[in-house]
Amino acid sequence: MESGPAIESQKSSPQTNSLDDTDKEDLELKLQQSNSYHLPLWRKCLILFTVSWMTLAITFSSTSLLPATPEIASDFSTTTEILNVTNAGVLIAMGFSSFIWGPISNIFGRRNAYNVAILVLCGSSAGTAAAIDLHMFIGMRLIGGFTGTFFMVSGQTILADIFEPVVRGTAVGVFMIGSVSGPAIGPCIGGIIVTFAHWRVIYWLQFAMACLGLILSVLLVPELRTLKSTEGLTKRERFSAALHLFNPLRIFRPFIYPNVFLCNLTCGLLSTFQYGLLTSARSIFNPRFHLTTPLVSGLFYLAPGIGFLLGSIIGGRLSDRAVKRWIRKRDGVRLPQDRLNSGLVTLFGVLPAAILVYGWSLQEKKGGMPLPIISAFFAGVGLLGTFNGLNTYTAEVMPRIRSEVISGKYAVQYIFAAAASAAVDPLIHSIGVGWTFTICVFFALTSGFLVLIITKWGIDMQRWTERKLGINPEH
């Protein structure tokens, strides 16, 4: 199993020092060929905008129907509970989309796969908008969902290939603006649309967003070289290699590393609050504050949305500062987990406090509407202040199987998100808003301890696994 170097130096890699001169030069040449650090900054910025836009488009689709759920249920003669379960299914499809598109990108090239995935999203968006019954609506949404995290995995992989480690956190912070703003902007725009027009306009807007992304991708996204190659193989060997890429175990093999598993589990626990908050907002706010239109409840999503945006940017800058600080401490040596130190304050302080205030202010009917809105904003800042470092960590911890590690993270993350989307409303009805979000506080504190373990012993756990299983990190 390939893992690649987990320790980096700004001058040289300690792991490559153990190689002879010929092997070392060959490895360095391959690593140079696999990235595009040399691209001009303006090109990197345009690529960054493009991949960020596509994450905005796909995450917009995961929540934009929430304010319009009663109207859609009425049109298709179903219930809002069925539509919530459907949305959970879309999230699961998003989590496992890389199982399909990841191998396709290895066989036909990342750029080709990326553009075809956008084309599929365009078609499924138009199909959802034109759906004539519930079955077609669900089918088109699921097809669109199966393009989901591929945009995030490919986006992070592309950014890791074109941005150096000391600025990578900032780039990922900007990239995540799309993925974290989409779930919050979607309900806001959906509420506006369903108030003044038909809910189908939501999906025609999504179709237009995907079309713009396709144009930008065709013009800007490069085809970067990778270390995977089938040169010198027979046709039978190439076919066997292609089938191997579709083996789902390929995505889960990195879970044998405790540091990778704990990182993925942390992202899953944190996503329960994110999607629990977004899914339940209308069902909580409308009866609590006697709101009669989806417009006002849709505007609530601006608070966590702005928090997500600021948290992502600030978290990216802080994680890069943490990397530079630890590089100085170690005389040029960088460990992937260094950047996780920047998120500990938000995990143990900002996020749990904001969640508690949000849940219990609604439960006890204290503070009116401003208090839960303000607390939702700070919860968004705290959540993404931590998520940034975790996302960047998955792109750095094992460079040679970067896509597999990132794909596994999103699979776990969206399984938890789907469970939260399906369970949050029944849980609120059963135990109340306060206790429901107190469970999220427990998840946040657990996540804090998991991140603390990774920051202290991440590289040791990885090396222990390699020794026990006889894994050579260079192959």
Protein backbone atom coordinates (compact mmCIF):
# COMPACT_ATOMS: atom_id res chain seq x y z
CA MET A 1 0.00 0.00 0.00
CA GLU A 2 1.37 3.37 -0.95
CA SER A 3 1.38 6.11 1.59
CA GLY A 4 4.14 8.50 0.70
CA PRO A 5 6.15 10.71 3.01
CA ALA A 6 4.28 12.03 6.02
CA ILE A 7 7.22 14.12 7.27
CA GLU A 8 8.33 17.04 5.14
CA SER A 9 11.18 19.47 5.32
CA GLN A 10 11.40 22.81 3.59
CA LYS A 11 14.89 21.76 2.50
CA SER A 12 14.68 18.00 2.13
CA SER A 13 12.58 15.10 3.29
CA PRO A 14 14.02 12.98 6.10
CA GLN A 15 12.50 9.90 4.53
CA THR A 16 14.24 10.35 1.20
CA ASN A 17 17.59 10.63 2.97
CA SER A 18 17.52 6.86 3.46
CA LEU A 19 17.46 6.26 -0.30
CA ASP A 20 20.55 5.97 -2.45
CA ASP A 21 21.36 8.94 -4.69
CA THR A 22 19.85 7.43 -7.86
CA ASP A 23 16.54 6.47 -6.19
CA LYS A 24 16.40 9.80 -4.40
CA GLU A 25 16.83 11.78 -7.63
CA ASP A 26 14.20 9.60 -9.35
CA LEU A 27 11.68 10.11 -6.51
CA GLU A 28 12.26 13.87 -6.45
CA LEU A 29 11.79 14.05 -10.22
CA LYS A 30 8.49 12.14 -9.99
CA LEU A 31 7.26 14.36 -7.16
CA GLN A 32 8.10 17.48 -9.19
CA GLN A 33 6.20 16.07 -12.15
CA SER A 34 3.16 15.31 -9.98
CA ASN A 35 2.63 18.93 -8.89
CA SER A 36 2.37 22.31 -10.60
CA TYR A 37 3.81 24.70 -8.03
CA HIS A 38 5.36 26.59 -10.96
CA LEU A 39 2.02 27.85 -12.33
CA PRO A 40 1.64 31.65 -12.19
CA LEU A 41 -0.36 32.99 -9.27
CA TRP A 42 -3.16 34.38 -11.47
CA ARG A 43 -3.71 30.91 -12.97
CA LYS A 44 -3.74 29.31 -9.53
CA CYS A 45 -6.33 31.84 -8.34
CA LEU A 46 -8.61 31.14 -11.32
CA ILE A 47 -8.31 27.39 -10.75
CA LEU A 48 -9.08 27.96 -7.07
CA PHE A 49 -12.22 29.93 -7.98
CA THR A 50 -13.36 27.23 -10.40
CA VAL A 51 -13.05 24.29 -8.01
CA SER A 52 -14.63 26.39 -5.22
CA TRP A 53 -17.56 27.29 -7.46
CA MET A 54 -18.30 23.63 -8.16
CA THR A 55 -18.37 22.78 -4.46
CA LEU A 56 -20.79 25.67 -4.01
CA ALA A 57 -23.02 24.29 -6.77
CA ILE A 58 -23.16 20.74 -5.40
CA THR A 59 -23.61 21.68 -1.73
CA PHE A 60 -26.23 24.26 -2.71
CA SER A 61 -28.25 21.36 -4.11
CA SER A 62 -28.06 19.41 -0.83
CA THR A 63 -30.00 22.00 1.20
CA SER A 64 -31.73 24.39 -1.20
CA LEU A 65 -34.98 22.41 -1.05
CA LEU A 66 -35.28 22.63 2.76
CA PRO A 67 -37.44 25.81 2.87
CA ALA A 68 -39.50 24.49 -0.04
CA THR A 69 -40.09 21.03 1.46
CA PRO A 70 -43.81 21.59 2.27
CA GLU A 71 -44.47 22.95 -1.23
CA ILE A 72 -42.64 20.07 -2.92
CA ALA A 73 -44.45 17.55 -0.70
CA SER A 74 -47.77 19.10 -1.68
CA ASP A 75 -46.97 18.96 -5.41
CA PHE A 76 -45.99 15.29 -5.27
CA SER A 77 -48.61 14.23 -2.71
CA THR A 78 -46.06 13.04 -0.16
CA THR A 79 -44.85 14.09 3.31
CA THR A 80 -42.01 16.29 4.48
CA GLU A 81 -40.61 13.31 6.41
CA ILE A 82 -40.26 11.35 3.16
CA LEU A 83 -38.44 14.27 1.55
CA ASN A 84 -36.09 14.55 4.54
CA VAL A 85 -35.24 10.88 4.18
CA THR A 86 -34.72 11.47 0.46
CA ASN A 87 -32.32 14.29 1.26
CA ALA A 88 -30.44 11.95 3.58
CA GLY A 89 -30.16 9.53 0.68
CA VAL A 90 -28.71 12.29 -1.49
CA LEU A 91 -26.10 13.00 1.19
CA ILE A 92 -25.14 9.31 1.29
CA ALA A 93 -24.86 9.33 -2.51
CA MET A 94 -22.60 12.38 -2.24
CA GLY A 95 -20.41 10.60 0.30
CA PHE A 96 -19.85 7.61 -1.97
CA SER A 97 -19.57 9.47 -5.28
CA SER A 98 -15.77 9.26 -5.24
CA PHE A 99 -16.05 5.44 -5.40
CA ILE A 100 -17.28 5.96 -8.96
CA TRP A 101 -15.55 9.08 -10.19
CA GLY A 102 -12.19 8.51 -8.50
CA PRO A 103 -11.42 5.40 -10.59
CA ILE A 104 -12.81 7.08 -13.71
CA SER A 105 -10.40 9.99 -13.19
CA ASN A 106 -7.49 7.54 -12.86
CA ILE A 107 -8.46 5.75 -16.08
CA PHE A 108 -9.48 8.66 -18.31
CA GLY A 109 -7.71 11.56 -16.62
CA ARG A 110 -8.75 13.89 -13.83
CA ARG A 111 -9.71 16.76 -16.13
CA ASN A 112 -11.94 14.60 -18.36
CA ALA A 113 -13.67 12.99 -15.38
CA TYR A 114 -14.16 16.35 -13.70
CA ASN A 115 -15.83 17.84 -16.78
CA VAL A 116 -18.06 14.80 -17.35
CA ALA A 117 -19.16 14.89 -13.70
CA ILE A 118 -20.18 18.54 -14.14
CA LEU A 119 -22.10 17.58 -17.28
CA VAL A 120 -23.97 14.89 -15.31
CA LEU A 121 -24.81 17.47 -12.64
CA CYS A 122 -26.17 19.78 -15.34
CA GLY A 123 -28.41 17.02 -16.68
CA SER A 124 -29.65 15.88 -13.27
CA SER A 125 -30.43 19.47 -12.23
CA ALA A 126 -32.51 20.01 -15.35
CA GLY A 127 -34.20 16.64 -14.79
CA THR A 128 -35.09 17.52 -11.19
CA ALA A 129 -36.52 20.86 -12.28
CA ALA A 130 -38.67 19.12 -14.91
CA ALA A 131 -39.66 16.11 -12.75
CA ILE A 132 -43.22 14.96 -13.48
CA ASP A 133 -43.60 12.74 -10.36
CA LEU A 134 -41.91 11.88 -7.07
CA HIS A 135 -39.97 8.94 -8.50
CA MET A 136 -38.37 11.07 -11.21
CA PHE A 137 -37.64 13.80 -8.64
CA ILE A 138 -35.89 11.35 -6.30
CA GLY A 139 -34.03 9.63 -9.14
CA MET A 140 -32.67 12.85 -10.60
CA ARG A 141 -31.60 14.11 -7.18
CA LEU A 142 -29.76 10.85 -6.44
CA ILE A 143 -27.96 10.98 -9.79
CA GLY A 144 -26.85 14.52 -9.00
CA GLY A 145 -25.79 13.42 -5.53
CA PHE A 146 -23.49 10.78 -7.01
CA THR A 147 -21.30 13.58 -8.41
CA GLY A 148 -21.05 15.26 -5.00
CA THR A 149 -17.85 14.74 -3.07
CA PHE A 150 -15.88 14.06 -6.25
CA PHE A 151 -15.79 17.82 -6.74
CA MET A 152 -14.46 18.25 -3.21
CA VAL A 153 -11.91 15.43 -3.45
CA SER A 154 -10.65 16.55 -6.86
CA GLY A 155 -10.67 20.18 -5.75
CA GLN A 156 -8.53 19.49 -2.69
CA THR A 157 -6.22 17.24 -4.72
CA ILE A 158 -5.79 19.91 -7.36
CA LEU A 159 -5.02 22.55 -4.73
CA ALA A 160 -2.48 20.28 -3.04
CA ASP A 161 -0.81 19.88 -6.43
CA ILE A 162 -0.55 23.59 -7.20
CA PHE A 163 -0.08 25.27 -3.79
CA GLU A 164 3.00 24.84 -1.57
CA PRO A 165 2.38 23.55 2.00
CA VAL A 166 3.04 26.90 3.74
CA VAL A 167 0.15 28.56 1.84
CA ARG A 168 -2.00 25.48 1.29
CA GLY A 169 -4.16 26.07 4.36
CA THR A 170 -5.15 29.52 3.11
CA ALA A 171 -5.99 28.09 -0.33
CA VAL A 172 -8.10 25.32 1.24
CA GLY A 173 -9.79 27.96 3.41
CA VAL A 174 -10.87 29.85 0.29
CA PHE A 175 -11.83 26.58 -1.42
CA MET A 176 -14.05 25.63 1.49
CA ILE A 177 -16.01 28.86 1.15
CA GLY A 178 -17.94 27.10 -1.59
CA SER A 179 -18.52 23.85 0.28
CA VAL A 180 -19.55 25.56 3.54
CA SER A 181 -21.49 28.45 2.04
CA GLY A 182 -23.58 26.21 -0.19
CA PRO A 183 -25.45 24.42 2.62
CA ALA A 184 -26.29 27.78 4.21
CA ILE A 185 -26.91 29.88 1.09
CA GLY A 186 -29.05 27.14 -0.44
CA PRO A 187 -31.92 27.41 2.06
CA CYS A 188 -31.75 31.21 2.03
CA ILE A 189 -32.04 31.46 -1.75
CA GLY A 190 -34.52 28.59 -1.79
CA GLY A 191 -36.72 30.47 0.71
CA ILE A 192 -36.66 33.60 -1.44
CA ILE A 193 -37.47 31.66 -4.62
CA VAL A 194 -40.32 29.62 -3.14
CA THR A 195 -41.86 32.79 -1.67
CA PHE A 196 -42.00 34.66 -4.98
CA ALA A 197 -41.86 31.86 -7.60
CA HIS A 198 -42.19 28.10 -8.02
CA TRP A 199 -39.81 25.67 -6.28
CA ARG A 200 -38.68 24.33 -9.68
CA VAL A 201 -36.79 27.60 -10.23
CA ILE A 202 -34.37 26.44 -7.51
CA TYR A 203 -33.18 23.61 -9.71
CA TRP A 204 -33.06 25.71 -12.87
CA LEU A 205 -30.76 28.03 -10.93
CA GLN A 206 -28.66 25.01 -9.96
CA PHE A 207 -28.55 24.01 -13.64
CA ALA A 208 -27.21 27.48 -14.54
CA MET A 209 -24.58 27.28 -11.77
CA ALA A 210 -23.39 23.90 -13.07
CA CYS A 211 -23.23 25.20 -16.64
CA LEU A 212 -21.04 28.12 -15.56
CA GLY A 213 -18.81 25.67 -13.70
CA LEU A 214 -18.49 23.52 -16.83
CA ILE A 215 -17.36 26.50 -18.91
CA LEU A 216 -14.79 27.55 -16.29
CA SER A 217 -13.51 23.99 -15.92
CA VAL A 218 -13.05 23.44 -19.64
CA LEU A 219 -11.09 26.68 -19.89
CA LEU A 220 -9.03 26.57 -16.69
CA VAL A 221 -8.63 23.21 -14.91
CA PRO A 222 -5.33 21.57 -15.91
CA GLU A 223 -4.59 17.89 -16.39
CA LEU A 224 -1.89 17.36 -13.77
CA ARG A 225 0.41 14.38 -14.01
CA THR A 226 0.19 11.70 -11.32
CA LEU A 227 2.45 8.91 -10.12
CA LYS A 228 -0.02 6.25 -11.28
CA SER A 229 0.86 4.80 -14.66
CA THR A 230 -0.01 1.78 -16.78
CA GLU A 231 2.95 2.16 -19.12
CA GLY A 232 4.59 -1.16 -19.92
CA LEU A 233 1.53 -3.23 -18.94
CA THR A 234 -0.28 -5.67 -21.21
CA LYS A 235 -3.93 -5.09 -22.12
CA ARG A 236 -4.99 -7.75 -19.64
CA GLU A 237 -2.90 -6.16 -16.89
CA ARG A 238 -4.36 -2.73 -17.69
CA PHE A 239 -7.89 -4.13 -17.54
CA SER A 240 -7.13 -5.79 -14.19
CA ALA A 241 -5.66 -2.53 -12.87
CA ALA A 242 -8.77 -0.64 -14.00
CA LEU A 243 -11.07 -3.10 -12.20
CA HIS A 244 -8.95 -2.79 -9.07
CA LEU A 245 -9.59 0.95 -9.02
CA PHE A 246 -13.34 0.29 -8.57
CA ASN A 247 -12.74 -1.83 -5.47
CA PRO A 248 -14.36 0.14 -2.61
CA LEU A 249 -11.84 -1.30 -0.16
CA ARG A 250 -9.26 0.95 -1.83
CA ILE A 251 -10.98 3.92 -0.19
CA PHE A 252 -11.17 2.28 3.23
CA ARG A 253 -7.64 0.84 3.40
CA PRO A 254 -6.16 4.08 4.81
CA PHE A 255 -8.46 3.55 7.82
CA ILE A 256 -5.89 1.06 9.15
CA TYR A 257 -3.86 4.11 10.16
CA PRO A 258 -5.23 5.31 13.52
CA ASN A 259 -4.48 8.96 12.74
CA VAL A 260 -6.48 8.79 9.49
CA PHE A 261 -9.37 6.94 11.14
CA LEU A 262 -9.54 9.43 14.03
CA CYS A 263 -9.46 12.37 11.62
CA ASN A 264 -12.33 10.90 9.59
CA LEU A 265 -14.34 10.16 12.73
CA THR A 266 -13.81 13.74 13.91
CA CYS A 267 -15.13 15.14 10.63
CA GLY A 268 -18.16 12.86 10.88
CA LEU A 269 -18.97 13.95 14.44
CA LEU A 270 -18.67 17.62 13.52
CA SER A 271 -20.88 17.25 10.44
CA THR A 272 -23.75 16.02 12.63
CA PHE A 273 -24.09 19.48 14.11
CA GLN A 274 -23.74 21.24 10.75
CA TYR A 275 -26.51 19.29 9.04
CA GLY A 276 -28.60 18.94 12.19
CA LEU A 277 -28.67 22.72 12.43
CA LEU A 278 -29.44 23.28 8.75
CA THR A 279 -32.09 20.56 8.44
CA SER A 280 -34.07 21.49 11.55
CA ALA A 281 -34.01 25.30 11.31
CA ARG A 282 -37.37 25.82 9.60
CA SER A 283 -39.21 23.27 11.76
CA ILE A 284 -37.85 25.02 14.88
CA PHE A 285 -38.04 28.69 13.92
CA ASN A 286 -41.43 28.79 12.21
CA PRO A 287 -43.51 27.58 15.19
CA ARG A 288 -41.20 29.17 17.79
CA PHE A 289 -41.45 32.68 16.30
CA HIS A 290 -44.78 32.26 14.46
CA LEU A 291 -43.24 32.64 11.00
CA THR A 292 -45.67 32.05 8.17
CA THR A 293 -43.43 32.25 5.06
CA PRO A 294 -40.28 30.40 4.03
CA LEU A 295 -38.65 33.77 3.25
CA VAL A 296 -38.02 34.80 6.86
CA SER A 297 -36.95 31.36 8.05
CA GLY A 298 -34.71 31.10 4.97
CA LEU A 299 -32.93 34.31 5.96
CA PHE A 300 -31.92 32.66 9.24
CA TYR A 301 -29.41 30.56 7.31
CA LEU A 302 -27.36 33.68 6.60
CA ALA A 303 -26.11 33.66 10.22
CA PRO A 304 -24.41 30.24 10.19
CA GLY A 305 -23.51 30.78 6.53
CA ILE A 306 -21.51 33.93 7.27
CA GLY A 307 -20.00 32.12 10.25
CA PHE A 308 -18.96 29.22 8.01
CA LEU A 309 -17.38 31.64 5.54
CA LEU A 310 -15.41 33.62 8.12
CA GLY A 311 -14.43 30.49 10.02
CA SER A 312 -13.09 28.88 6.86
CA ILE A 313 -10.94 31.87 5.92
CA ILE A 314 -9.71 32.57 9.45
CA GLY A 315 -9.11 28.87 10.09
CA GLY A 316 -7.02 28.61 6.92
CA ARG A 317 -4.81 31.53 7.88
CA LEU A 318 -4.38 30.25 11.44
CA SER A 319 -3.48 26.74 10.26
CA ASP A 320 -0.78 28.15 7.95
CA ARG A 321 0.58 30.23 10.81
CA ALA A 322 0.70 27.10 12.97
CA VAL A 323 2.61 25.26 10.21
CA LYS A 324 5.20 28.04 9.91
CA ARG A 325 5.59 28.25 13.69
CA TRP A 326 6.29 24.53 14.02
CA ILE A 327 8.66 24.57 11.04
CA ARG A 328 10.74 27.16 12.90
CA LYS A 329 10.62 25.09 16.09
CA ARG A 330 11.86 21.96 14.31
CA ASP A 331 14.52 23.70 12.22
CA GLY A 332 12.74 23.21 8.91
CA VAL A 333 10.88 19.92 9.49
CA ARG A 334 7.09 19.94 9.04
CA LEU A 335 4.61 17.34 10.27
CA PRO A 336 1.12 17.21 8.71
CA GLN A 337 -0.61 17.35 12.10
CA ASP A 338 1.06 20.67 13.02
CA ARG A 339 -1.78 22.67 11.50
CA LEU A 340 -4.38 20.92 13.69
CA ASN A 341 -3.10 22.81 16.74
CA SER A 342 -4.84 25.93 15.42
CA GLY A 343 -8.33 24.40 15.82
CA LEU A 344 -8.15 23.24 19.43
CA VAL A 345 -9.41 26.54 20.88
CA THR A 346 -12.55 26.51 18.75
CA LEU A 347 -13.25 22.82 19.46
CA PHE A 348 -12.95 23.13 23.23
CA GLY A 349 -14.31 26.67 23.58
CA VAL A 350 -16.16 28.53 20.83
CA LEU A 351 -18.10 25.64 19.27
CA PRO A 352 -19.48 23.92 22.42
CA ALA A 353 -20.45 27.24 24.03
CA ALA A 354 -22.24 28.47 20.89
CA ILE A 355 -24.12 25.17 20.46
CA LEU A 356 -25.31 25.20 24.07
CA VAL A 357 -26.56 28.78 23.82
CA TYR A 358 -28.32 28.02 20.52
CA GLY A 359 -30.11 24.89 21.72
CA TRP A 360 -31.17 26.03 25.17
CA SER A 361 -32.15 29.58 24.18
CA LEU A 362 -34.66 27.99 21.80
CA GLN A 363 -35.70 25.35 24.35
CA GLU A 364 -36.29 27.86 27.16
CA LYS A 365 -37.54 30.62 24.83
CA LYS A 366 -34.97 33.12 26.08
CA GLY A 367 -33.32 35.98 24.20
CA GLY A 368 -35.90 36.21 21.44
CA MET A 369 -34.75 35.66 17.86
CA PRO A 370 -31.38 37.53 18.10
CA LEU A 371 -29.75 35.15 20.62
CA PRO A 372 -30.05 31.89 18.60
CA ILE A 373 -29.09 33.77 15.43
CA ILE A 374 -25.93 35.20 17.03
CA SER A 375 -25.04 31.85 18.59
CA ALA A 376 -25.55 30.11 15.22
CA PHE A 377 -23.07 32.59 13.70
CA PHE A 378 -20.40 31.80 16.32
CA ALA A 379 -21.10 28.09 15.99
CA GLY A 380 -20.40 28.41 12.26
CA VAL A 381 -17.12 30.21 12.95
CA GLY A 382 -16.09 27.57 15.49
CA LEU A 383 -17.06 24.66 13.28
CA LEU A 384 -15.15 25.76 10.19
CA GLY A 385 -12.23 27.12 12.19
CA THR A 386 -11.57 23.46 12.97
CA PHE A 387 -12.75 21.84 9.75
CA ASN A 388 -10.17 23.72 7.68
CA GLY A 389 -7.20 22.14 9.40
CA LEU A 390 -8.76 18.67 9.25
CA ASN A 391 -9.49 18.97 5.53
CA THR A 392 -5.96 20.15 4.76
CA TYR A 393 -4.51 17.41 6.96
CA THR A 394 -6.21 14.68 4.92
CA ALA A 395 -4.65 16.15 1.76
CA GLU A 396 -1.16 16.12 3.28
CA VAL A 397 -0.85 13.11 5.57
CA MET A 398 -0.26 10.57 2.75
CA PRO A 399 0.57 12.43 -0.48
CA ARG A 400 0.86 9.30 -2.63
CA ILE A 401 -2.72 8.19 -1.89
CA ARG A 402 -4.12 11.65 -1.30
CA SER A 403 -7.35 11.09 -3.25
CA GLU A 404 -8.14 7.86 -1.39
CA VAL A 405 -7.63 9.47 2.02
CA ILE A 406 -9.78 12.49 1.12
CA SER A 407 -12.48 10.24 -0.39
CA GLY A 408 -12.65 8.16 2.78
CA LYS A 409 -13.04 11.29 4.88
CA TYR A 410 -15.97 12.53 2.82
CA ALA A 411 -17.63 9.10 2.85
CA VAL A 412 -17.62 9.10 6.65
CA GLN A 413 -18.55 12.77 6.85
CA TYR A 414 -21.62 12.44 4.66
CA ILE A 415 -22.79 9.22 6.30
CA PHE A 416 -22.93 11.15 9.58
CA ALA A 417 -24.53 14.12 7.81
CA ALA A 418 -27.22 11.87 6.31
CA ALA A 419 -27.95 10.33 9.70
CA ALA A 420 -28.24 13.79 11.26
CA SER A 421 -30.57 15.02 8.50
CA ALA A 422 -32.89 12.05 8.91
CA ALA A 423 -32.86 11.90 12.72
CA VAL A 424 -32.76 15.53 13.92
CA ASP A 425 -36.46 16.39 13.60
CA PRO A 426 -37.74 13.19 15.26
CA LEU A 427 -35.12 13.64 18.00
CA ILE A 428 -36.21 17.23 18.65
CA HIS A 429 -39.83 16.14 18.89
CA SER A 430 -38.82 13.39 21.31
CA ILE A 431 -36.35 15.08 23.72
CA GLY A 432 -36.47 18.77 22.79
CA VAL A 433 -34.14 21.24 21.07
CA GLY A 434 -31.89 21.77 24.09
CA TRP A 435 -31.02 18.12 24.71
CA THR A 436 -30.69 17.39 20.98
CA PHE A 437 -27.98 20.01 20.57
CA THR A 438 -26.41 19.04 23.90
CA ILE A 439 -25.63 15.74 22.16
CA CYS A 440 -23.84 17.82 19.50
CA VAL A 441 -21.83 19.49 22.29
CA PHE A 442 -20.70 16.05 23.44
CA PHE A 443 -19.67 15.25 19.85
CA ALA A 444 -17.73 18.54 19.63
CA LEU A 445 -15.82 17.87 22.87
CA THR A 446 -15.09 14.30 21.78
CA SER A 447 -13.78 15.70 18.50
CA GLY A 448 -11.52 18.04 20.44
CA PHE A 449 -9.91 15.14 22.31
CA LEU A 450 -9.50 13.17 19.06
CA VAL A 451 -7.74 16.13 17.41
CA LEU A 452 -5.54 16.52 20.49
CA ILE A 453 -4.51 12.86 20.17
CA ILE A 454 -3.63 13.35 16.49
CA THR A 455 -1.58 16.49 17.18
CA LYS A 456 0.41 14.68 19.87
CA TRP A 457 0.89 11.21 18.40
CA GLY A 458 -0.33 11.29 14.77
CA ILE A 459 3.01 10.57 13.12
CA ASP A 460 3.88 7.98 15.77
CA MET A 461 0.61 6.10 15.16
CA GLN A 462 1.27 6.14 11.43
CA ARG A 463 4.83 4.84 11.81
CA TRP A 464 3.68 2.16 14.30
CA THR A 465 1.12 0.89 11.77
CA GLU A 466 3.74 0.77 9.02
CA ARG A 467 6.12 -1.22 11.23
CA LYS A 468 3.45 -3.66 12.40
CA LEU A 469 2.13 -4.34 8.90
CA GLY A 470 5.50 -4.15 7.15
CA ILE A 471 4.42 -1.26 4.94
CA ASN A 472 7.16 0.63 3.11
CA PRO A 473 6.00 4.28 2.92
CA GLU A 474 8.07 4.84 -0.22
CA HIS A 475 6.23 2.22 -2.27
